[in-house]
Amino acid sequence: MDQNELLGRLTVSLAVGLLVGLERGWRSRDEEDHQRPAGFRTFALSGLLGGVTGAVSLQAGGAVIGFVFVGYAAAFVGFHWLEAKAEQNLSVTSVIAGLLTFLLGVMSVVGDLQAAIACAVAMTVLLALRETLHKWVASLTWPEIRAVLVLLVMSFLLLPLLPNRKIDPWDSVNPYQIWLLAILVAGVSFVGYIAVRAFGDRLGVLMTAVAGGLASSTATTLAFARLGKEHPESSRLLSAGILIAGVVMMVRVGVVAVALNAALLASLALPLASAAVVLAFGAAVFLTGNAGQDVPKLRIHNPMEIGTALKLAAFIAAVMMCAEILRRAFGDIGVMVLAALSGVADVDAVTISMARLDQNGIGADTAVQAIVIAVAVNTMSKALLSGWAGGRKIGLLVGGVSALSLAGGALALAWQTGVSSG
């Protein structure tokens, strides 16, 4: 390490201490001189001390860091113990912040510079948001904490244990992918719960619809439909959310297909855009018609519907198995059958496989038709799912607009085919 680089890294170690010290010093700004706890200068020196220690260790060995850290920790902890004893203050935050500032100073010289800066910023933000974070933790309920724990177990404990390969005799069911879908369904339900609580009923539903459409519009539809059954007075708002998730799904399909094969853009753009515009218009009508009314409160008692997620995952596994059996039985014509059956629950698998023309050995027209069929079937299956899970009113609202959307897409596809053939 040359001299210029060393000076630059020592400057960063000092900046780390100054950043943390600014927050600590501002918090204790009303204290009298010589009565303040460790503040601006102390943390600035702590960061620089860590940097100098790191610089020395480059010549004397890494053991220097350990010895200096132990001495620094003993002095810093001892000082705060005396202060806590005098003021009856049991907070240990400043002690942890001081030790971390020293280590980040060391890291700035001997480790990853960008990581040290990022950690310093993150620490300062956490320190500055003390009151906000305390209020947020105090507002949590046990069902919310339990929902987070269940989602973490599903995602990081159970999911890695499942085989990421097809295990049935027909080579169609992948347990890893099925469980991942269950996580998406449960996650969308939880995101909707948090969004409604944080942003209110109307904005929370809209934000969840967009996020859910990116992850799984089917999961979003199921979550919103169940809420619609519990809150029939919110049917128009929740129907708008389902339609918005459908719009996002269509945009996502187009982007994925074109990203994998740009040649599909000319054939897919018009039918998908036409169908998406109709869905968006229907959602806007529902939102506008509900704008002058008081938005009913959505009292969501269960942050995450695990049982529903598991049932839907099992249903999709059955559909995948049936689709593969039909494909084997009917050969090439099974491509369309596969697209239609797969579209009942998911469009991504069909989109990805059809877009890879060279690997699949099918024509561009067949690929476009299969993707459009999958989107159409998925749109109507979500309309039926809305009626089944949400009741007659929300089923009619979503189903009516979905039918108009498919009609618009079909007309656009027919016109485009006529123009190209003419």
Foldseek 3Di string as FASTA:
>chain_A
DDPVLLVVLLVLLLVLLQLLQVLQCVVQVPDDPPLRQDHRVNSSVLSNLLSVQLVVCVPVNPVSNVVVLVVVLVVNVVVVVVVCVVVVDPDCLVSVVSSLSSNLSNCSRVHDVVVSVVVSVVSSVCSNCVVVVVVVVVPDDPLLVVLVVVLCCLPPPPLVVFAQFQDDPLRFFGVNVLSVQLSLLQVLLLQLVVLCVPPNDQRSLQVSLLVSLVVFLLSLLLSLLLLCQVPVVCLLSSLLSSLSSLLNVLVVLQVLLCVLPVVLCVQSVQLSVQLSVLSNVLSVVSCVVCVVDDRDRRDDDRSGDSVVSNVVSVVLSVLRSVLSVQCVVPPPVSLLVSLLSNLLGDLVVLSNVLSNCVVNVDDSVSSSNSSLNSSLNNQQSSLVSSCVNRHDPSSCSSNVSSVVSNVRSVVRSVVVVVVVVD
